[in-house]
Structures are given as structure tokens and as C-alpha cells.
PDB file of N, CA and C in Angstrom:
ATOM      1  N   MET A   1       7.814 -18.253  -6.305  1.00  0.00           N
ATOM      2  CA  MET A   1       7.277 -16.846  -6.383  1.00  0.00           C
ATOM      3  C   MET A   1       8.380 -15.636  -6.134  1.00  0.00           C
ATOM      4  N   ALA A   2       8.173 -14.689  -6.674  1.00  0.00           N
ATOM      5  CA  ALA A   2       9.130 -13.651  -6.542  1.00  0.00           C
ATOM      6  C   ALA A   2       8.986 -12.912  -5.240  1.00  0.00           C
ATOM      7  N   LYS A   3      10.002 -12.280  -4.780  1.00  0.00           N
ATOM      8  CA  LYS A   3       9.981 -11.642  -3.483  1.00  0.00           C
ATOM      9  C   LYS A   3      10.097 -10.160  -3.781  1.00  0.00           C
ATOM     10  N   VAL A   4       9.343  -9.348  -3.195  1.00  0.00           N
ATOM     11  CA  VAL A   4       9.378  -7.704  -3.284  1.00  0.00           C
ATOM     12  C   VAL A   4       9.733  -7.111  -1.852  1.00  0.00           C
ATOM     13  N   LYS A   5      10.339  -5.973  -1.991  1.00  0.00           N
ATOM     14  CA  LYS A   5      10.641  -5.202  -0.915  1.00  0.00           C
ATOM     15  C   LYS A   5       9.882  -4.038  -0.919  1.00  0.00           C
ATOM     16  N   ILE A   6       8.924  -3.808   0.175  1.00  0.00           N
ATOM     17  CA  ILE A   6       7.980  -2.689   0.296  1.00  0.00           C
ATOM     18  C   ILE A   6       8.378  -1.784   1.277  1.00  0.00           C
ATOM     19  N   THR A   7       8.376  -0.481   0.943  1.00  0.00           N
ATOM     20  CA  THR A   7       8.794   0.506   1.989  1.00  0.00           C
ATOM     21  C   THR A   7       7.568   1.568   1.985  1.00  0.00           C
ATOM     22  N   GLN A   8       7.115   1.950   3.074  1.00  0.00           N
ATOM     23  CA  GLN A   8       6.104   3.073   3.282  1.00  0.00           C
ATOM     24  C   GLN A   8       6.732   4.322   3.139  1.00  0.00           C
ATOM     25  N   ILE A   9       6.307   5.081   2.106  1.00  0.00           N
ATOM     26  CA  ILE A   9       6.837   6.405   1.936  1.00  0.00           C
ATOM     27  C   ILE A   9       6.020   7.647   2.160  1.00  0.00           C
ATOM     28  N   LYS A  10       4.810   7.401   2.357  1.00  0.00           N
ATOM     29  CA  LYS A  10       3.728   8.241   2.663  1.00  0.00           C
ATOM     30  C   LYS A  10       2.937   7.994   3.856  1.00  0.00           C
ATOM     31  N   SER A  11       2.397   8.932   4.655  1.00  0.00           N
ATOM     32  CA  SER A  11       1.858   8.629   5.798  1.00  0.00           C
ATOM     33  C   SER A  11       0.381   8.029   5.579  1.00  0.00           C
ATOM     34  N   LYS A  12      -0.004   7.363   6.557  1.00  0.00           N
ATOM     35  CA  LYS A  12      -1.299   6.849   6.365  1.00  0.00           C
ATOM     36  C   LYS A  12      -2.334   7.527   6.926  1.00  0.00           C
ATOM     37  N   ASN A  13      -2.113   8.847   7.437  1.00  0.00           N
ATOM     38  CA  ASN A  13      -3.080   9.877   7.810  1.00  0.00           C
ATOM     39  C   ASN A  13      -3.921  10.232   6.490  1.00  0.00           C
ATOM     40  N   GLY A  14      -5.240  10.205   6.789  1.00  0.00           N
ATOM     41  CA  GLY A  14      -6.096  10.486   5.580  1.00  0.00           C
ATOM     42  C   GLY A  14      -6.361   9.359   4.634  1.00  0.00           C
ATOM     43  N   ALA A  15      -5.868   8.337   5.040  1.00  0.00           N
ATOM     44  CA  ALA A  15      -6.141   7.077   4.071  1.00  0.00           C
ATOM     45  C   ALA A  15      -7.502   6.555   4.601  1.00  0.00           C
ATOM     46  N   THR A  16      -7.956   5.675   3.875  1.00  0.00           N
ATOM     47  CA  THR A  16      -9.436   5.101   4.280  1.00  0.00           C
ATOM     48  C   THR A  16      -8.859   3.972   5.083  1.00  0.00           C
ATOM     49  N   LYS A  17      -9.937   3.362   5.852  1.00  0.00           N
ATOM     50  CA  LYS A  17      -9.837   2.234   6.815  1.00  0.00           C
ATOM     51  C   LYS A  17      -9.308   1.015   5.834  1.00  0.00           C
ATOM     52  N   ARG A  18      -9.835   0.940   4.752  1.00  0.00           N
ATOM     53  CA  ARG A  18      -9.324  -0.245   3.825  1.00  0.00           C
ATOM     54  C   ARG A  18      -7.913  -0.190   3.608  1.00  0.00           C
ATOM     55  N   GLN A  19      -7.406   0.980   3.233  1.00  0.00           N
ATOM     56  CA  GLN A  19      -5.975   1.197   2.928  1.00  0.00           C
ATOM     57  C   GLN A  19      -5.113   0.914   4.218  1.00  0.00           C
ATOM     58  N   ILE A  20      -5.558   1.481   5.301  1.00  0.00           N
ATOM     59  CA  ILE A  20      -4.772   1.266   6.508  1.00  0.00           C
ATOM     60  C   ILE A  20      -4.753  -0.276   6.878  1.00  0.00           C
ATOM     61  N   ALA A  21      -5.786  -0.907   6.727  1.00  0.00           N
ATOM     62  CA  ALA A  21      -5.856  -2.386   7.007  1.00  0.00           C
ATOM     63  C   ALA A  21      -4.931  -3.188   6.057  1.00  0.00           C
ATOM     64  N   ASN A  22      -4.900  -2.777   4.751  1.00  0.00           N
ATOM     65  CA  ASN A  22      -3.841  -3.304   3.835  1.00  0.00           C
ATOM     66  C   ASN A  22      -2.429  -3.136   4.218  1.00  0.00           C
ATOM     67  N   LEU A  23      -2.200  -1.915   4.573  1.00  0.00           N
ATOM     68  CA  LEU A  23      -0.785  -1.564   5.159  1.00  0.00           C
ATOM     69  C   LEU A  23      -0.430  -2.492   6.376  1.00  0.00           C
ATOM     70  N   THR A  24      -1.427  -2.604   7.216  1.00  0.00           N
ATOM     71  CA  THR A  24      -1.171  -3.416   8.312  1.00  0.00           C
ATOM     72  C   THR A  24      -1.003  -5.030   7.979  1.00  0.00           C
ATOM     73  N   GLY A  25      -1.919  -5.392   7.124  1.00  0.00           N
ATOM     74  CA  GLY A  25      -1.751  -6.666   6.560  1.00  0.00           C
ATOM     75  C   GLY A  25      -0.457  -6.948   5.850  1.00  0.00           C
ATOM     76  N   LEU A  26       0.155  -5.957   5.196  1.00  0.00           N
ATOM     77  CA  LEU A  26       1.423  -6.205   4.689  1.00  0.00           C
ATOM     78  C   LEU A  26       2.488  -6.207   5.472  1.00  0.00           C
ATOM     79  N   GLY A  27       2.222  -5.755   6.780  1.00  0.00           N
ATOM     80  CA  GLY A  27       3.263  -5.612   7.803  1.00  0.00           C
ATOM     81  C   GLY A  27       3.928  -4.336   8.047  1.00  0.00           C
ATOM     82  N   LEU A  28       3.347  -3.275   7.479  1.00  0.00           N
ATOM     83  CA  LEU A  28       3.870  -1.981   7.657  1.00  0.00           C
ATOM     84  C   LEU A  28       3.224  -1.201   8.661  1.00  0.00           C
ATOM     85  N   ARG A  29       3.894  -0.692   9.737  1.00  0.00           N
ATOM     86  CA  ARG A  29       3.381   0.072  10.881  1.00  0.00           C
ATOM     87  C   ARG A  29       3.720   1.409  10.869  1.00  0.00           C
ATOM     88  N   LYS A  30       4.809   1.906  10.357  1.00  0.00           N
ATOM     89  CA  LYS A  30       5.332   3.176  10.456  1.00  0.00           C
ATOM     90  C   LYS A  30       6.110   3.681   9.255  1.00  0.00           C
ATOM     91  N   MET A  31       6.295   4.941   9.017  1.00  0.00           N
ATOM     92  CA  MET A  31       6.743   5.528   7.881  1.00  0.00           C
ATOM     93  C   MET A  31       8.180   5.103   7.785  1.00  0.00           C
ATOM     94  N   HIS A  32       8.645   4.888   6.580  1.00  0.00           N
ATOM     95  CA  HIS A  32      10.020   4.455   6.157  1.00  0.00           C
ATOM     96  C   HIS A  32      10.386   2.988   6.532  1.00  0.00           C
ATOM     97  N   GLN A  33       9.442   2.184   7.064  1.00  0.00           N
ATOM     98  CA  GLN A  33       9.524   0.767   7.419  1.00  0.00           C
ATOM     99  C   GLN A  33       9.735  -0.030   6.151  1.00  0.00           C
ATOM    100  N   THR A  34      10.649  -1.154   6.175  1.00  0.00           N
ATOM    101  CA  THR A  34      10.514  -1.981   5.016  1.00  0.00           C
ATOM    102  C   THR A  34      10.413  -3.240   5.431  1.00  0.00           C
ATOM    103  N   VAL A  35       9.644  -4.133   4.434  1.00  0.00           N
ATOM    104  CA  VAL A  35       9.350  -5.382   4.770  1.00  0.00           C
ATOM    105  C   VAL A  35       9.574  -6.085   3.417  1.00  0.00           C
ATOM    106  N   GLU A  36       9.892  -7.421   3.569  1.00  0.00           N
ATOM    107  CA  GLU A  36       9.860  -8.386   2.258  1.00  0.00           C
ATOM    108  C   GLU A  36       8.905  -9.402   2.440  1.00  0.00           C
ATOM    109  N   VAL A  37       8.077  -9.456   1.264  1.00  0.00           N
ATOM    110  CA  VAL A  37       6.956 -10.437   1.179  1.00  0.00           C
ATOM    111  C   VAL A  37       7.157 -11.145  -0.097  1.00  0.00           C
ATOM    112  N   GLU A  38       6.391 -12.293  -0.251  1.00  0.00           N
ATOM    113  CA  GLU A  38       6.327 -12.983  -1.411  1.00  0.00           C
ATOM    114  C   GLU A  38       5.272 -12.421  -2.194  1.00  0.00           C
ATOM    115  N   LEU A  39       5.358 -12.318  -3.485  1.00  0.00           N
ATOM    116  CA  LEU A  39       4.465 -11.723  -4.477  1.00  0.00           C
ATOM    117  C   LEU A  39       3.489 -12.822  -4.862  1.00  0.00           C
ATOM    118  N   THR A  40       2.304 -12.828  -4.217  1.00  0.00           N
ATOM    119  CA  THR A  40       1.267 -13.816  -4.531  1.00  0.00           C
ATOM    120  C   THR A  40       0.122 -12.842  -4.910  1.00  0.00           C
ATOM    121  N   PRO A  41      -0.803 -13.564  -5.489  1.00  0.00           N
ATOM    122  CA  PRO A  41      -2.089 -12.662  -6.050  1.00  0.00           C
ATOM    123  C   PRO A  41      -2.724 -11.942  -4.882  1.00  0.00           C
ATOM    124  N   VAL A  42      -2.739 -12.487  -3.686  1.00  0.00           N
ATOM    125  CA  VAL A  42      -3.299 -11.697  -2.616  1.00  0.00           C
ATOM    126  C   VAL A  42      -2.465 -10.552  -2.151  1.00  0.00           C
ATOM    127  N   THR A  43      -1.117 -10.694  -1.990  1.00  0.00           N
ATOM    128  CA  THR A  43      -0.237  -9.583  -1.721  1.00  0.00           C
ATOM    129  C   THR A  43      -0.230  -8.428  -2.883  1.00  0.00           C
ATOM    130  N   ASN A  44      -0.257  -8.909  -4.055  1.00  0.00           N
ATOM    131  CA  ASN A  44      -0.377  -7.989  -5.241  1.00  0.00           C
ATOM    132  C   ASN A  44      -1.481  -7.181  -5.216  1.00  0.00           C
ATOM    133  N   GLY A  45      -2.754  -7.748  -4.816  1.00  0.00           N
ATOM    134  CA  GLY A  45      -4.039  -7.045  -4.719  1.00  0.00           C
ATOM    135  C   GLY A  45      -4.046  -6.045  -3.609  1.00  0.00           C
ATOM    136  N   MET A  46      -3.177  -6.291  -2.535  1.00  0.00           N
ATOM    137  CA  MET A  46      -3.181  -5.422  -1.425  1.00  0.00           C
ATOM    138  C   MET A  46      -2.326  -4.242  -1.871  1.00  0.00           C
ATOM    139  N   LEU A  47      -1.238  -4.612  -2.694  1.00  0.00           N
ATOM    140  CA  LEU A  47      -0.267  -3.569  -3.102  1.00  0.00           C
ATOM    141  C   LEU A  47      -0.913  -2.609  -3.973  1.00  0.00           C
ATOM    142  N   GLN A  48      -1.898  -3.052  -4.798  1.00  0.00           N
ATOM    143  CA  GLN A  48      -2.521  -2.166  -5.854  1.00  0.00           C
ATOM    144  C   GLN A  48      -3.358  -1.173  -5.077  1.00  0.00           C
ATOM    145  N   LYS A  49      -3.955  -1.445  -3.955  1.00  0.00           N
ATOM    146  CA  LYS A  49      -4.851  -0.586  -3.222  1.00  0.00           C
ATOM    147  C   LYS A  49      -4.028   0.533  -2.480  1.00  0.00           C
ATOM    148  N   VAL A  50      -2.779   0.348  -2.179  1.00  0.00           N
ATOM    149  CA  VAL A  50      -1.883   1.180  -1.449  1.00  0.00           C
ATOM    150  C   VAL A  50      -0.614   1.668  -2.196  1.00  0.00           C
ATOM    151  N   LEU A  51      -0.714   1.565  -3.634  1.00  0.00           N
ATOM    152  CA  LEU A  51       0.468   1.752  -4.289  1.00  0.00           C
ATOM    153  C   LEU A  51       0.967   3.357  -4.213  1.00  0.00           C
ATOM    154  N   HIS A  52       0.092   4.206  -3.910  1.00  0.00           N
ATOM    155  CA  HIS A  52       0.354   5.477  -3.859  1.00  0.00           C
ATOM    156  C   HIS A  52       1.107   5.987  -2.538  1.00  0.00           C
ATOM    157  N   LEU A  53       0.995   4.922  -1.523  1.00  0.00           N
ATOM    158  CA  LEU A  53       1.520   5.082  -0.240  1.00  0.00           C
ATOM    159  C   LEU A  53       2.874   4.433  -0.046  1.00  0.00           C
ATOM    160  N   VAL A  54       3.255   3.613  -0.900  1.00  0.00           N
ATOM    161  CA  VAL A  54       4.472   2.704  -0.819  1.00  0.00           C
ATOM    162  C   VAL A  54       5.322   2.835  -2.020  1.00  0.00           C
ATOM    163  N   LYS A  55       6.723   2.330  -1.809  1.00  0.00           N
ATOM    164  CA  LYS A  55       7.510   1.981  -2.929  1.00  0.00           C
ATOM    165  C   LYS A  55       7.884   0.408  -2.899  1.00  0.00           C
ATOM    166  N   VAL A  56       7.798   0.078  -4.155  1.00  0.00           N
ATOM    167  CA  VAL A  56       8.038  -1.470  -4.294  1.00  0.00           C
ATOM    168  C   VAL A  56       9.188  -1.749  -5.173  1.00  0.00           C
ATOM    169  N   GLU A  57       9.964  -2.605  -4.624  1.00  0.00           N
ATOM    170  CA  GLU A  57      11.266  -2.910  -5.401  1.00  0.00           C
ATOM    171  C   GLU A  57      11.395  -4.362  -5.461  1.00  0.00           C
ATOM    172  N   GLU A  58      11.666  -5.029  -6.672  1.00  0.00           N
ATOM    173  CA  GLU A  58      11.616  -6.569  -6.876  1.00  0.00           C
ATOM    174  C   GLU A  58      13.189  -6.893  -6.309  1.00  0.00           C
ATOM    175  N   ILE A  59      13.126  -8.026  -5.595  1.00  0.00           N
ATOM    176  CA  ILE A  59      14.426  -8.589  -5.226  1.00  0.00           C
ATOM    177  C   ILE A  59      14.946  -9.726  -6.143  1.00  0.00           C
TER     178      ILE A  59
END
């Protein structure tokens, strides 16, 4: 599987509970934090729900 680097670029204030849960599930807790995750169908689905809050780069 491919790895991706995810950086939170917008605040989760005003986001729905589902979006906040997806950010937490991806390992993002605060602004400008970066994590590297494997791109699986599960993580891809989570990314699609919060794509407007994060920046995704392929490694």
C-alpha cells in the first residue's frame, strides 16, 4: 500500500462530530500536525470526509 502524509490545515471548530471523529481516527489532534498513514480503503474513506480540513501528500 502507498503511504500518505496528512497535515491538518483548518480548525475543527464548526466541524461535525463525525468529522472530528475522523480527524482523531487519523491521528490528528491539533492544527499543523502531520501524520503518515497507509492508504487503505478505510483511511481513504476517512480522508474523503475531512478533505476540506487537511492537506494530503503522497510519499
